[in-house]
């Protein structure tokens, strides 16, 4: 019974992950036209600031993005390890 439950759980996790990947791809595909719509004030301020400020802005974006991605990947890793672990 435990093997069947584990197989069912893994199938559910795979289905959820597949759905999440498809949803992410759909959102990325639909957001393509919206990428050109930026705030004119933000654009002029960033372009007038110079190369150093633009580089700092890019580093700031990475500083916000990387911890979120690490947290997301670590939670997914923990879920998959727990699902595939031997029952106690």
Protein backbone atom coordinates (compact mmCIF):
# COMPACT_ATOMS: atom_id res chain seq x y z
CA UNK A 1 0.00 0.00 0.00
CA UNK A 2 2.81 2.38 0.81
CA UNK A 3 4.40 1.88 -2.60
CA UNK A 4 1.11 2.64 -4.30
CA UNK A 5 0.68 5.79 -2.22
CA UNK A 6 4.21 6.89 -3.06
CA UNK A 7 3.63 6.29 -6.77
CA UNK A 8 0.38 8.25 -6.60
CA UNK A 9 2.12 11.10 -4.79
CA UNK A 10 4.92 11.21 -7.35
CA UNK A 11 2.39 11.28 -10.18
CA UNK A 12 0.58 14.17 -8.51
CA UNK A 13 3.84 16.08 -8.01
CA UNK A 14 4.82 15.51 -11.64
CA UNK A 15 1.41 16.70 -12.80
CA UNK A 16 1.65 19.82 -10.63
CA UNK A 17 5.17 20.54 -11.84
CA UNK A 18 4.13 20.02 -15.45
CA UNK A 19 1.20 22.37 -14.99
CA UNK A 20 3.45 24.96 -13.34
CA UNK A 21 5.91 24.80 -16.24
CA UNK A 22 3.13 25.19 -18.78
CA UNK A 23 1.61 28.08 -16.85
CA UNK A 24 5.00 29.78 -16.63
CA UNK A 25 5.58 29.35 -20.36
CA UNK A 26 2.11 30.75 -21.09
CA UNK A 27 2.68 33.78 -18.88
CA UNK A 28 6.07 34.43 -20.49
CA UNK A 29 4.59 34.15 -23.96
CA UNK A 30 1.70 36.49 -23.17
CA UNK A 31 3.88 39.03 -21.36
CA UNK A 32 6.12 39.57 -24.40
CA UNK A 33 4.18 42.59 -25.76
CA UNK A 34 3.95 44.10 -22.29
CA UNK A 35 7.76 44.20 -21.96
CA UNK A 36 7.94 47.36 -24.08
CA UNK A 37 5.51 49.24 -21.85
CA UNK A 38 7.67 50.88 -19.26
CA UNK A 39 7.33 54.05 -17.31
CA UNK A 40 8.68 56.97 -19.33
CA UNK A 41 9.87 58.72 -16.18
CA UNK A 42 11.77 55.64 -15.04
CA UNK A 43 13.34 55.23 -18.47
CA UNK A 44 14.51 58.84 -18.73
CA UNK A 45 15.82 58.83 -15.17
CA UNK A 46 17.76 55.59 -15.69
CA UNK A 47 19.17 56.67 -19.05
CA UNK A 48 20.24 60.07 -17.70
CA UNK A 49 21.93 58.51 -14.68
CA UNK A 50 24.75 56.99 -16.69
CA UNK A 51 26.34 53.60 -17.08
CA UNK A 52 27.31 53.24 -13.42
CA UNK A 53 23.75 53.74 -12.19
CA UNK A 54 22.37 51.36 -14.82
CA UNK A 55 24.88 48.71 -13.72
CA UNK A 56 23.85 49.27 -10.10
CA UNK A 57 20.21 48.85 -11.10
CA UNK A 58 20.99 45.55 -12.82
CA UNK A 59 22.90 44.31 -9.76
CA UNK A 60 19.96 45.34 -7.58
CA UNK A 61 17.57 43.33 -9.74
CA UNK A 62 19.81 40.28 -9.43
CA UNK A 63 20.09 40.82 -5.68
CA UNK A 64 16.31 40.55 -5.42
CA UNK A 65 15.92 37.73 -7.96
CA UNK A 66 18.61 35.28 -6.82
CA UNK A 67 17.40 34.73 -3.21
CA UNK A 68 13.84 34.17 -4.42
CA UNK A 69 15.02 31.59 -6.98
CA UNK A 70 17.21 29.82 -4.43
CA UNK A 71 14.29 29.62 -2.01
CA UNK A 72 11.96 28.29 -4.71
CA UNK A 73 14.42 25.63 -5.91
CA UNK A 74 15.27 24.52 -2.37
CA UNK A 75 11.59 24.07 -1.47
CA UNK A 76 11.01 22.04 -4.64
CA UNK A 77 14.08 19.93 -3.87
CA UNK A 78 12.85 19.25 -0.34
CA UNK A 79 9.42 18.27 -1.65
CA UNK A 80 10.83 15.82 -4.19
CA UNK A 81 13.23 14.29 -1.65
CA UNK A 82 10.46 13.87 0.89
CA UNK A 83 8.18 12.30 -1.70
CA UNK A 84 10.84 9.80 -2.77
CA UNK A 85 12.10 9.01 0.75
CA UNK A 86 11.50 5.64 2.34
CA UNK A 87 8.56 5.66 4.76
CA UNK A 88 9.54 5.31 8.40
